[in-house]
Amino acid sequence: MLQAVTYYAREPAPHFTPPAADKTKWLPVLFQLTSKLNLPGDLVKELNQQGLVYADDKQNAVVNLPGATVDVRFNRSFR
């Protein structure tokens, strides 16, 4: 077991390329973040204006923080 863990720990992590922004999907994502997850609307809008949160072509929220990018996928219960 330890050998397997050591082997995989030496493998480089795959490079993550954040998805492209799709401005046509922003309003539904904004609704999901504010109405379903109860995030403050002003905060979410400001983060979007700064390019730190945006929607991708699959209507997911992408959180693009310095040093880390997270793709937030909404399951069907949010849609």
N, C-alpha and C. Protein backbone atom coordinates (compact mmCIF):
# COMPACT_ATOMS: atom_id res chain seq x y z
N MET A 1 0.83 -1.20 0.00
CA MET A 1 0.00 0.00 0.00
C MET A 1 0.86 1.25 0.00
N LEU A 2 1.87 1.28 0.87
CA LEU A 2 2.75 2.44 0.95
C LEU A 2 3.48 2.66 -0.37
N GLN A 3 3.86 1.58 -1.04
CA GLN A 3 4.53 1.72 -2.34
C GLN A 3 3.61 2.38 -3.36
N ALA A 4 2.35 2.01 -3.35
CA ALA A 4 1.40 2.60 -4.30
C ALA A 4 1.20 4.08 -4.01
N VAL A 5 1.10 4.44 -2.75
CA VAL A 5 0.93 5.84 -2.38
C VAL A 5 2.17 6.63 -2.77
N THR A 6 3.34 6.08 -2.50
CA THR A 6 4.59 6.75 -2.85
C THR A 6 4.69 6.93 -4.36
N TYR A 7 4.31 5.92 -5.12
CA TYR A 7 4.36 6.00 -6.58
C TYR A 7 3.47 7.13 -7.09
N TYR A 8 2.24 7.19 -6.63
CA TYR A 8 1.31 8.21 -7.12
C TYR A 8 1.67 9.60 -6.60
N ALA A 9 2.32 9.68 -5.46
CA ALA A 9 2.73 10.98 -4.93
C ALA A 9 3.83 11.59 -5.80
N ARG A 10 4.60 10.76 -6.50
CA ARG A 10 5.66 11.27 -7.36
C ARG A 10 5.13 11.75 -8.70
N GLU A 11 3.95 11.31 -9.08
CA GLU A 11 3.37 11.73 -10.35
C GLU A 11 2.99 13.21 -10.27
N PRO A 12 3.31 13.99 -11.28
CA PRO A 12 2.90 15.40 -11.25
C PRO A 12 1.38 15.52 -11.37
N ALA A 13 0.85 16.49 -10.68
CA ALA A 13 -0.60 16.72 -10.74
C ALA A 13 -0.96 17.22 -12.14
N PRO A 14 -2.08 16.77 -12.68
CA PRO A 14 -2.47 17.25 -14.00
C PRO A 14 -2.73 18.76 -13.98
N HIS A 15 -2.37 19.41 -15.06
CA HIS A 15 -2.57 20.85 -15.17
C HIS A 15 -4.06 21.15 -15.37
N PHE A 16 -4.59 22.03 -14.56
CA PHE A 16 -6.00 22.40 -14.65
C PHE A 16 -6.12 23.69 -15.45
N THR A 17 -6.93 23.64 -16.50
CA THR A 17 -7.22 24.83 -17.28
C THR A 17 -8.65 25.24 -16.97
N PRO A 18 -8.84 26.43 -16.39
CA PRO A 18 -10.21 26.84 -16.06
C PRO A 18 -11.05 27.01 -17.32
N PRO A 19 -12.33 26.70 -17.22
CA PRO A 19 -13.20 26.85 -18.38
C PRO A 19 -13.36 28.33 -18.75
N ALA A 20 -13.67 28.55 -20.01
CA ALA A 20 -13.87 29.91 -20.50
C ALA A 20 -15.18 30.47 -19.94
N ALA A 21 -15.20 31.78 -19.80
CA ALA A 21 -16.41 32.45 -19.31
C ALA A 21 -17.46 32.51 -20.41
N ASP A 22 -18.71 32.38 -20.00
CA ASP A 22 -19.85 32.54 -20.91
C ASP A 22 -20.81 33.53 -20.27
N LYS A 23 -20.76 34.78 -20.73
CA LYS A 23 -21.56 35.84 -20.12
C LYS A 23 -23.06 35.60 -20.27
N THR A 24 -23.46 34.80 -21.25
CA THR A 24 -24.89 34.53 -21.44
C THR A 24 -25.45 33.63 -20.34
N LYS A 25 -24.58 32.95 -19.60
CA LYS A 25 -25.03 32.05 -18.53
C LYS A 25 -24.92 32.69 -17.14
N TRP A 26 -24.49 33.95 -17.07
CA TRP A 26 -24.23 34.56 -15.77
C TRP A 26 -25.48 34.75 -14.93
N LEU A 27 -26.58 35.22 -15.50
CA LEU A 27 -27.77 35.50 -14.69
C LEU A 27 -28.31 34.27 -13.96
N PRO A 28 -28.41 33.12 -14.61
CA PRO A 28 -28.85 31.93 -13.86
C PRO A 28 -27.86 31.54 -12.75
N VAL A 29 -26.57 31.70 -12.99
CA VAL A 29 -25.58 31.38 -11.97
C VAL A 29 -25.70 32.38 -10.81
N LEU A 30 -25.87 33.64 -11.13
CA LEU A 30 -26.08 34.66 -10.09
C LEU A 30 -27.29 34.30 -9.24
N PHE A 31 -28.37 33.88 -9.87
CA PHE A 31 -29.58 33.48 -9.14
C PHE A 31 -29.28 32.30 -8.23
N GLN A 32 -28.55 31.31 -8.73
CA GLN A 32 -28.23 30.13 -7.92
C GLN A 32 -27.38 30.51 -6.72
N LEU A 33 -26.41 31.37 -6.93
CA LEU A 33 -25.51 31.75 -5.83
C LEU A 33 -26.23 32.59 -4.78
N THR A 34 -27.13 33.47 -5.22
CA THR A 34 -27.78 34.37 -4.27
C THR A 34 -29.05 33.78 -3.68
N SER A 35 -29.89 33.19 -4.49
CA SER A 35 -31.18 32.68 -4.00
C SER A 35 -31.08 31.29 -3.39
N LYS A 36 -30.31 30.43 -4.02
CA LYS A 36 -30.23 29.05 -3.53
C LYS A 36 -29.17 28.87 -2.45
N LEU A 37 -28.04 29.57 -2.58
CA LEU A 37 -26.96 29.43 -1.60
C LEU A 37 -26.90 30.59 -0.62
N ASN A 38 -27.78 31.56 -0.81
CA ASN A 38 -27.91 32.71 0.11
C ASN A 38 -26.62 33.54 0.25
N LEU A 39 -25.85 33.64 -0.81
CA LEU A 39 -24.70 34.53 -0.79
C LEU A 39 -25.17 35.96 -1.05
N PRO A 40 -24.56 36.96 -0.44
CA PRO A 40 -24.99 38.34 -0.65
C PRO A 40 -24.82 38.75 -2.12
N GLY A 41 -25.88 39.27 -2.69
CA GLY A 41 -25.88 39.65 -4.10
C GLY A 41 -24.81 40.67 -4.45
N ASP A 42 -24.64 41.68 -3.61
CA ASP A 42 -23.64 42.70 -3.88
C ASP A 42 -22.23 42.10 -3.92
N LEU A 43 -21.96 41.16 -3.02
CA LEU A 43 -20.66 40.51 -3.00
C LEU A 43 -20.43 39.71 -4.27
N VAL A 44 -21.42 38.91 -4.68
CA VAL A 44 -21.28 38.07 -5.86
C VAL A 44 -21.11 38.94 -7.11
N LYS A 45 -21.87 40.02 -7.20
CA LYS A 45 -21.75 40.92 -8.36
C LYS A 45 -20.37 41.57 -8.41
N GLU A 46 -19.86 41.99 -7.27
CA GLU A 46 -18.53 42.60 -7.22
C GLU A 46 -17.45 41.59 -7.60
N LEU A 47 -17.56 40.37 -7.11
CA LEU A 47 -16.59 39.34 -7.48
C LEU A 47 -16.63 39.05 -8.97
N ASN A 48 -17.83 39.08 -9.55
CA ASN A 48 -17.97 38.87 -10.99
C ASN A 48 -17.34 40.03 -11.77
N GLN A 49 -17.56 41.25 -11.32
CA GLN A 49 -16.98 42.41 -12.02
C GLN A 49 -15.46 42.38 -11.97
N GLN A 50 -14.90 41.82 -10.92
CA GLN A 50 -13.45 41.71 -10.79
C GLN A 50 -12.89 40.47 -11.50
N GLY A 51 -13.77 39.64 -12.06
CA GLY A 51 -13.34 38.43 -12.76
C GLY A 51 -13.01 37.28 -11.84
N LEU A 52 -13.41 37.38 -10.58
CA LEU A 52 -13.10 36.32 -9.62
C LEU A 52 -14.16 35.23 -9.58
N VAL A 53 -15.36 35.53 -10.05
CA VAL A 53 -16.44 34.55 -10.17
C VAL A 53 -17.12 34.78 -11.52
N TYR A 54 -17.31 33.71 -12.27
CA TYR A 54 -17.99 33.84 -13.56
C TYR A 54 -18.70 32.53 -13.89
N ALA A 55 -19.48 32.54 -14.94
CA ALA A 55 -20.21 31.36 -15.39
C ALA A 55 -19.49 30.75 -16.58
N ASP A 56 -19.50 29.41 -16.65
CA ASP A 56 -18.96 28.76 -17.84
C ASP A 56 -20.10 28.37 -18.78
N ASP A 57 -19.78 27.70 -19.87
CA ASP A 57 -20.80 27.37 -20.88
C ASP A 57 -21.79 26.33 -20.41
N LYS A 58 -21.51 25.66 -19.28
CA LYS A 58 -22.44 24.66 -18.74
C LYS A 58 -23.23 25.20 -17.56
N GLN A 59 -23.17 26.51 -17.39
CA GLN A 59 -23.92 27.21 -16.34
C GLN A 59 -23.42 26.82 -14.94
N ASN A 60 -22.11 26.62 -14.83
CA ASN A 60 -21.48 26.39 -13.54
C ASN A 60 -20.79 27.67 -13.12
N ALA A 61 -20.69 27.87 -11.83
CA ALA A 61 -19.93 29.00 -11.32
C ALA A 61 -18.46 28.60 -11.25
N VAL A 62 -17.60 29.47 -11.74
CA VAL A 62 -16.16 29.26 -11.66
C VAL A 62 -15.61 30.32 -10.73
N VAL A 63 -14.94 29.88 -9.66
CA VAL A 63 -14.35 30.79 -8.69
C VAL A 63 -12.86 30.83 -9.01
N ASN A 64 -12.39 31.98 -9.43
CA ASN A 64 -11.02 32.14 -9.89
C ASN A 64 -10.25 33.01 -8.91
N LEU A 65 -9.72 32.39 -7.86
CA LEU A 65 -8.96 33.11 -6.84
C LEU A 65 -7.48 33.03 -7.17
N PRO A 66 -6.70 34.03 -6.78
CA PRO A 66 -5.26 33.97 -7.05
C PRO A 66 -4.65 32.70 -6.47
N GLY A 67 -4.03 31.91 -7.32
CA GLY A 67 -3.39 30.67 -6.88
C GLY A 67 -4.27 29.44 -6.94
N ALA A 68 -5.57 29.62 -7.14
CA ALA A 68 -6.48 28.46 -7.19
C ALA A 68 -7.72 28.82 -7.99
N THR A 69 -8.17 27.88 -8.80
CA THR A 69 -9.41 28.05 -9.54
C THR A 69 -10.30 26.87 -9.21
N VAL A 70 -11.54 27.15 -8.87
CA VAL A 70 -12.49 26.11 -8.49
C VAL A 70 -13.68 26.20 -9.43
N ASP A 71 -14.08 25.05 -9.96
CA ASP A 71 -15.25 24.96 -10.82
C ASP A 71 -16.39 24.42 -9.97
N VAL A 72 -17.37 25.24 -9.66
CA VAL A 72 -18.48 24.85 -8.81
C VAL A 72 -19.59 24.32 -9.70
N ARG A 73 -19.85 23.05 -9.61
CA ARG A 73 -20.89 22.43 -10.44
C ARG A 73 -22.16 22.30 -9.61
N PHE A 74 -23.22 22.82 -10.14
CA PHE A 74 -24.50 22.76 -9.45
C PHE A 74 -25.20 21.46 -9.82
N ASN A 75 -25.65 20.75 -8.80
CA ASN A 75 -26.41 19.55 -9.10
C ASN A 75 -27.86 19.91 -9.41
N ARG A 76 -28.64 18.96 -9.80
CA ARG A 76 -30.01 19.23 -10.25
C ARG A 76 -30.90 19.87 -9.17
N SER A 77 -30.57 19.66 -7.91
CA SER A 77 -31.41 20.23 -6.85
C SER A 77 -31.33 21.75 -6.83
N PHE A 78 -30.28 22.32 -7.39
CA PHE A 78 -30.15 23.78 -7.45
C PHE A 78 -30.80 24.36 -8.70
N ARG A 79 -31.06 23.57 -9.67
CA ARG A 79 -31.58 24.09 -10.95
C ARG A 79 -33.08 24.05 -10.98
